[in-house]
Amino acid sequence: MLRRIANHLYRMGRDLERAEWRARLVDVNYHLLIESPPRAGEPWAPLVAITAEHDAFFKRYETLDEASVLDFVVFDTENPTSIRSSILSARERARALRHRISSELWLELNTFYLEAQQWRPEDLRARGVFEFFNDLKDHFYRLTGVIHGTLPRDLGFDFVAVGRSLEAIENVARLIDVKYHHLLPSVGDVGGPVDLLQWAAVLRSASALEAYRRSHGNVVRVERVVEMLLFDATFPRSARFGVEQLAAALGRIGGGMASAPPDTARALATALAESSATGILAAGLHDYLLAMEETVAGIGEGIVEQYLQYE
């Protein structure tokens, strides 16, 4: 496969996954603000913290208020990771791949692109946040279904899967880390109503709340949330599931030959399979997540260098 084509497929996968994660985070944060008692400070700040874009935000905006954060995360075309920018980027990459992707995928993504071009902050306020983000989720569900239902399981599909997996792993790690270390008002609130609401929101952000309740019941416990989102081998948005999918796709791309990206991914998958939430919480969750994020970032850099760079 030409590196140019592989690069477009990989970036399209990352763009779509990033846009979906951000849409889910905004939606859940809005629900959390309604369900939680009022708190001092900046209730929209966690969104900027989770996306690790604090410096980029304050280059453009002065305060972490609702209007500014929503504009930055959803609408801002000068922010390359906003939902709108990610959709526009994914569509442009798909346009260059018309001969490589299904007509169904092109139609769905181009329709989404045309809608995103018309978005305005005042439209969101007029329609309501819930309706706006429900529509977004429907678009993402359709796109995922079209990708899985119409693309052949070849190297092209693997590059899309690699891009989506990397983005998902990084997002779930940051989501847990920000909740565990930054969102709780005080140590005395651990295990209290606000703490449990926030952990339920973390699960909801990863579309994991229903799966959690089926496995563990209605009682939300930190170690069980971390176990599901990091180490569960069956839940599709867990870090372990994503890393195993990543390792498998990289193995196929590399033809089974030894090289840094698939070897590192397989080693990370093994480490996740051999770890548990109880042990990680005791040893230090923050350091564990930072190390995992660095490893995943290194895999991403290796993929670009080995498979995607071209003149």
Protein backbone atom coordinates (compact mmCIF):
# COMPACT_ATOMS: atom_id res chain seq x y z
CA MET A 1 0.00 0.00 0.00
CA LEU A 2 1.24 3.52 -0.81
CA ARG A 3 2.27 5.46 2.28
CA ARG A 4 0.16 8.42 1.19
CA ILE A 5 -2.98 6.26 1.15
CA ALA A 6 -2.08 4.62 4.46
CA ASN A 7 -1.51 8.04 6.02
CA HIS A 8 -4.94 9.31 4.92
CA LEU A 9 -6.68 6.20 6.27
CA TYR A 10 -4.82 6.37 9.59
CA ARG A 11 -5.50 10.10 10.04
CA MET A 12 -9.16 9.70 9.07
CA GLY A 13 -9.52 7.05 11.78
CA ARG A 14 -7.92 9.33 14.38
CA ASP A 15 -10.05 12.31 13.32
CA LEU A 16 -13.31 10.40 13.62
CA GLU A 17 -12.44 8.84 16.98
CA ARG A 18 -11.29 12.19 18.37
CA ALA A 19 -14.50 13.91 17.27
CA GLU A 20 -16.64 11.17 18.81
CA TRP A 21 -14.78 11.27 22.13
CA ARG A 22 -15.08 15.03 22.39
CA ALA A 23 -18.78 14.95 21.59
CA ARG A 24 -19.33 12.35 24.29
CA LEU A 25 -17.28 14.31 26.84
CA VAL A 26 -19.18 17.56 26.26
CA ASP A 27 -22.53 15.80 26.46
CA VAL A 28 -21.67 13.99 29.70
CA ASN A 29 -20.18 17.09 31.31
CA TYR A 30 -23.40 18.97 30.59
CA HIS A 31 -25.48 16.20 32.16
CA LEU A 32 -23.14 16.14 35.16
CA LEU A 33 -23.54 19.87 35.76
CA ILE A 34 -27.32 19.46 35.81
CA GLU A 35 -27.30 16.40 38.07
CA SER A 36 -24.63 17.61 40.53
CA PRO A 37 -25.02 20.25 43.25
CA PRO A 38 -23.53 23.63 42.28
CA ARG A 39 -19.80 23.86 42.92
CA ALA A 40 -17.35 26.73 43.05
CA GLY A 41 -14.66 27.19 40.47
CA GLU A 42 -14.84 26.52 36.75
CA PRO A 43 -17.19 23.61 36.00
CA TRP A 44 -16.18 23.53 32.32
CA ALA A 45 -12.43 23.38 33.06
CA PRO A 46 -12.32 19.53 33.17
CA LEU A 47 -13.09 19.36 29.44
CA VAL A 48 -9.98 21.37 28.62
CA ALA A 49 -7.95 19.35 31.14
CA ILE A 50 -9.07 16.00 29.70
CA THR A 51 -8.17 17.04 26.17
CA ALA A 52 -4.77 18.34 27.41
CA GLU A 53 -5.27 21.64 25.57
CA HIS A 54 -5.00 24.21 28.37
CA ASP A 55 -2.32 26.31 26.66
CA ALA A 56 -4.06 26.21 23.27
CA PHE A 57 -7.33 27.30 24.89
CA PHE A 58 -5.87 30.35 26.63
CA LYS A 59 -4.18 31.54 23.46
CA ARG A 60 -7.69 32.16 22.09
CA TYR A 61 -9.95 32.65 25.13
CA GLU A 62 -9.75 34.44 28.47
CA THR A 63 -12.04 32.44 30.76
CA LEU A 64 -13.15 28.81 31.10
CA ASP A 65 -16.84 29.65 30.87
CA GLU A 66 -19.47 27.56 29.10
CA ALA A 67 -19.62 29.60 25.90
CA SER A 68 -15.84 29.71 25.45
CA VAL A 69 -15.25 26.02 26.16
CA LEU A 70 -18.11 24.91 23.90
CA ASP A 71 -16.84 27.14 21.10
CA PHE A 72 -13.28 25.80 21.51
CA VAL A 73 -14.19 22.13 21.75
CA VAL A 74 -17.09 22.03 19.27
CA PHE A 75 -17.03 24.86 16.72
CA ASP A 76 -13.58 26.47 16.53
CA THR A 77 -12.01 25.80 13.12
CA GLU A 78 -8.76 27.37 14.32
CA ASN A 79 -8.55 24.60 16.92
CA PRO A 80 -7.41 21.57 14.86
CA THR A 81 -8.83 19.12 17.41
CA SER A 82 -12.32 20.61 17.75
CA ILE A 83 -15.23 18.41 16.74
CA ARG A 84 -15.91 20.50 13.64
CA SER A 85 -12.22 20.59 12.60
CA SER A 86 -11.91 16.82 13.10
CA ILE A 87 -14.96 16.15 10.93
CA LEU A 88 -13.73 18.51 8.21
CA SER A 89 -10.30 16.89 8.28
CA ALA A 90 -11.74 13.36 8.12
CA ARG A 91 -13.91 14.32 5.15
CA GLU A 92 -10.97 15.85 3.26
CA ARG A 93 -8.95 12.68 3.80
CA ALA A 94 -11.90 10.57 2.68
CA ARG A 95 -12.23 12.73 -0.44
CA ALA A 96 -8.66 11.80 -1.36
CA LEU A 97 -9.59 8.14 -0.84
CA ARG A 98 -12.78 7.94 -2.88
CA HIS A 99 -11.33 4.99 -4.81
CA ARG A 100 -10.37 3.19 -1.57
CA ILE A 101 -13.48 3.55 0.59
CA SER A 102 -17.10 2.49 0.09
CA SER A 103 -19.64 4.85 -1.43
CA GLU A 104 -21.73 4.39 1.74
CA LEU A 105 -18.89 5.68 3.92
CA TRP A 106 -18.28 8.64 1.63
CA LEU A 107 -21.98 9.54 1.59
CA GLU A 108 -22.32 9.34 5.38
CA LEU A 109 -19.16 11.32 6.05
CA ASN A 110 -19.87 13.95 3.39
CA THR A 111 -23.39 14.46 4.76
CA PHE A 112 -21.94 14.94 8.24
CA TYR A 113 -19.39 17.39 6.84
CA LEU A 114 -22.07 19.48 5.15
CA GLU A 115 -24.03 19.67 8.40
CA ALA A 116 -20.93 20.60 10.41
CA GLN A 117 -20.19 23.48 8.05
CA GLN A 118 -23.54 25.02 9.02
CA TRP A 119 -23.12 24.73 12.80
CA ARG A 120 -23.34 27.95 14.80
CA PRO A 121 -23.15 28.44 18.59
CA GLU A 122 -26.56 30.11 18.53
CA ASP A 123 -28.03 27.05 16.81
CA LEU A 124 -26.85 24.89 19.70
CA ARG A 125 -28.55 27.15 22.19
CA ALA A 126 -31.74 27.24 20.10
CA ARG A 127 -31.95 23.46 19.63
CA GLY A 128 -30.67 22.55 23.08
CA VAL A 129 -27.47 20.76 24.06
CA PHE A 130 -29.17 17.38 24.52
CA GLU A 131 -30.73 17.30 21.06
CA PHE A 132 -27.57 18.59 19.38
CA PHE A 133 -25.34 15.92 20.91
CA ASN A 134 -27.88 13.15 20.45
CA ASP A 135 -27.75 13.94 16.74
CA LEU A 136 -23.96 13.85 16.86
CA LYS A 137 -23.97 10.46 18.55
CA ASP A 138 -26.32 9.10 15.90
CA HIS A 139 -23.91 10.26 13.19
CA PHE A 140 -20.97 8.56 14.88
CA TYR A 141 -22.88 5.33 15.41
CA ARG A 142 -23.80 5.29 11.73
CA LEU A 143 -20.23 5.99 10.67
CA THR A 144 -18.90 3.17 12.85
CA GLY A 145 -21.52 0.80 11.44
CA VAL A 146 -20.71 1.78 7.85
CA ILE A 147 -16.96 1.36 8.43
CA HIS A 148 -17.41 -2.10 9.93
CA GLY A 149 -20.13 -3.14 7.49
CA THR A 150 -18.70 -1.99 4.17
CA LEU A 151 -14.88 -1.90 4.30
CA PRO A 152 -12.93 -5.06 3.37
CA ARG A 153 -10.72 -6.44 6.13
CA ASP A 154 -7.50 -5.51 4.36
CA LEU A 155 -4.55 -3.24 5.17
CA GLY A 156 -6.73 -0.18 4.58
CA PHE A 157 -9.14 -1.26 7.28
CA ASP A 158 -6.18 -1.98 9.58
CA PHE A 159 -4.79 1.53 9.21
CA VAL A 160 -8.21 3.02 10.06
CA ALA A 161 -8.39 0.69 13.07
CA VAL A 162 -4.89 1.66 14.20
CA GLY A 163 -5.77 5.36 14.10
CA ARG A 164 -9.02 4.87 15.99
CA SER A 165 -7.42 2.58 18.59
CA LEU A 166 -4.57 4.97 19.38
CA GLU A 167 -6.95 7.89 19.83
CA ALA A 168 -9.33 5.88 22.02
CA ILE A 169 -6.57 4.54 24.29
CA GLU A 170 -5.12 8.01 24.86
CA ASN A 171 -8.55 9.47 25.59
CA VAL A 172 -9.64 6.85 28.11
CA ALA A 173 -6.31 7.16 29.95
CA ARG A 174 -6.61 10.96 30.17
CA LEU A 175 -10.26 10.70 31.20
CA ILE A 176 -9.46 8.47 34.18
CA ASP A 177 -6.39 10.48 35.17
CA VAL A 178 -8.19 13.82 35.18
CA LYS A 179 -11.09 12.44 37.23
CA TYR A 180 -8.84 10.71 39.74
CA HIS A 181 -6.55 13.68 40.37
CA HIS A 182 -8.32 16.90 39.43
CA LEU A 183 -12.09 16.76 39.68
CA LEU A 184 -12.69 15.83 43.32
CA PRO A 185 -13.14 18.98 45.42
CA SER A 186 -11.51 17.52 48.56
CA VAL A 187 -10.29 14.28 50.07
CA GLY A 188 -13.30 14.30 52.38
CA ASP A 189 -15.59 13.92 49.37
CA VAL A 190 -14.13 10.55 48.37
CA GLY A 191 -16.97 8.04 48.23
CA GLY A 192 -19.56 10.77 48.64
CA PRO A 193 -22.47 11.62 46.32
CA VAL A 194 -20.45 14.05 44.16
CA ASP A 195 -17.59 11.57 43.81
CA LEU A 196 -19.93 8.75 42.78
CA LEU A 197 -21.77 11.00 40.30
CA GLN A 198 -18.45 11.93 38.72
CA TRP A 199 -17.32 8.31 38.41
CA ALA A 200 -20.68 7.42 36.88
CA ALA A 201 -20.09 10.29 34.44
CA VAL A 202 -16.68 8.82 33.58
CA LEU A 203 -18.39 5.54 32.74
CA ARG A 204 -21.03 7.35 30.72
CA SER A 205 -18.31 9.21 28.80
CA ALA A 206 -16.96 5.87 27.61
CA SER A 207 -20.48 4.47 26.97
CA ALA A 208 -19.68 2.02 29.76
CA LEU A 209 -22.33 2.70 32.41
CA GLU A 210 -24.80 0.04 31.29
CA ALA A 211 -22.06 -2.55 30.82
CA TYR A 212 -20.74 -1.71 34.29
CA ARG A 213 -24.15 -2.16 35.87
CA ARG A 214 -24.63 -5.54 34.18
CA SER A 215 -21.29 -6.73 35.55
CA HIS A 216 -21.16 -5.00 38.95
CA GLY A 217 -24.64 -3.75 39.82
CA ASN A 218 -25.64 -0.17 40.58
CA VAL A 219 -22.98 0.55 43.23
CA VAL A 220 -20.16 2.57 41.66
CA ARG A 221 -16.74 1.76 43.10
CA VAL A 222 -13.50 3.36 41.94
CA GLU A 223 -11.53 0.13 41.60
CA ARG A 224 -14.29 -1.46 39.53
CA VAL A 225 -14.52 1.56 37.22
CA VAL A 226 -10.75 1.51 36.70
CA GLU A 227 -10.84 -2.26 36.16
CA MET A 228 -13.49 -1.93 33.45
CA LEU A 229 -11.98 1.03 31.62
CA LEU A 230 -8.36 -0.11 31.77
CA PHE A 231 -8.21 -3.89 32.08
CA ASP A 232 -11.47 -5.40 30.79
CA ALA A 233 -10.71 -7.65 27.81
CA THR A 234 -14.30 -7.68 26.55
CA PHE A 235 -15.42 -4.05 26.76
CA PRO A 236 -14.66 -2.33 23.40
CA ARG A 237 -13.71 1.05 24.89
CA SER A 238 -11.33 -0.26 27.53
CA ALA A 239 -7.62 0.42 27.18
CA ARG A 240 -6.79 -3.28 27.12
CA PHE A 241 -9.29 -4.03 24.37
CA GLY A 242 -7.98 -1.11 22.32
CA VAL A 243 -4.34 -2.12 22.77
CA GLU A 244 -5.07 -5.71 21.80
CA GLN A 245 -6.88 -4.51 18.67
CA LEU A 246 -3.97 -2.17 17.95
CA ALA A 247 -1.39 -4.93 18.35
CA ALA A 248 -3.35 -7.29 16.08
CA ALA A 249 -3.72 -4.67 13.34
CA LEU A 250 -0.06 -3.67 13.52
CA GLY A 251 0.93 -7.33 13.34
CA ARG A 252 -1.01 -7.71 10.10
CA ILE A 253 0.40 -4.48 8.69
CA GLY A 254 3.94 -5.58 9.51
CA GLY A 255 3.40 -9.04 8.05
CA GLY A 256 4.37 -10.69 11.32
CA MET A 257 7.93 -9.34 11.15
CA ALA A 258 9.57 -7.95 14.28
CA SER A 259 9.50 -4.15 14.46
CA ALA A 260 9.07 -1.55 17.17
CA PRO A 261 5.37 -0.53 16.81
CA PRO A 262 3.79 -4.02 16.88
CA ASP A 263 6.33 -5.34 19.40
CA THR A 264 5.68 -2.44 21.78
CA ALA A 265 1.92 -2.79 21.35
CA ARG A 266 2.06 -6.52 22.13
CA ALA A 267 4.21 -5.84 25.22
CA LEU A 268 1.70 -3.23 26.43
CA ALA A 269 -1.19 -5.63 25.81
CA THR A 270 0.58 -8.28 27.91
CA ALA A 271 1.24 -5.78 30.70
CA LEU A 272 -2.42 -4.75 30.78
CA ALA A 273 -3.55 -8.38 30.81
CA GLU A 274 -1.32 -9.06 33.82
CA SER A 275 -2.38 -5.95 35.79
CA SER A 276 -5.35 -5.23 38.04
CA ALA A 277 -7.04 -2.10 39.31
CA THR A 278 -6.32 -2.97 42.94
CA GLY A 279 -2.59 -3.24 42.35
CA ILE A 280 -2.38 -0.14 40.19
CA LEU A 281 -4.38 2.00 42.64
CA ALA A 282 -2.08 0.90 45.45
CA ALA A 283 1.08 1.57 43.45
CA GLY A 284 -0.04 4.88 41.96
CA LEU A 285 -2.62 5.29 39.23
CA HIS A 286 -1.31 8.63 37.95
CA ASP A 287 2.19 7.34 37.26
CA TYR A 288 0.79 4.21 35.63
CA LEU A 289 -1.44 6.23 33.30
CA LEU A 290 1.36 8.65 32.41
CA ALA A 291 3.63 5.73 31.51
CA MET A 292 0.88 4.18 29.40
CA GLU A 293 0.21 7.46 27.59
CA GLU A 294 3.94 7.84 26.85
CA THR A 295 4.09 4.29 25.52
CA VAL A 296 1.07 4.83 23.27
CA ALA A 297 2.49 8.14 22.04
CA GLY A 298 5.74 6.34 21.24
CA ILE A 299 3.84 3.70 19.28
CA GLY A 300 2.13 6.47 17.32
CA GLU A 301 5.46 8.10 16.50
CA GLY A 302 6.87 4.74 15.43
CA ILE A 303 3.89 4.10 13.14
CA VAL A 304 4.34 7.46 11.41
CA GLU A 305 8.07 6.91 10.97
CA GLN A 306 7.87 3.31 9.79
CA TYR A 307 4.70 3.23 7.70
CA LEU A 308 3.38 6.71 6.91
CA GLN A 309 6.15 9.16 6.11
CA TYR A 310 6.53 9.98 2.43
CA GLU A 311 8.16 12.64 0.32
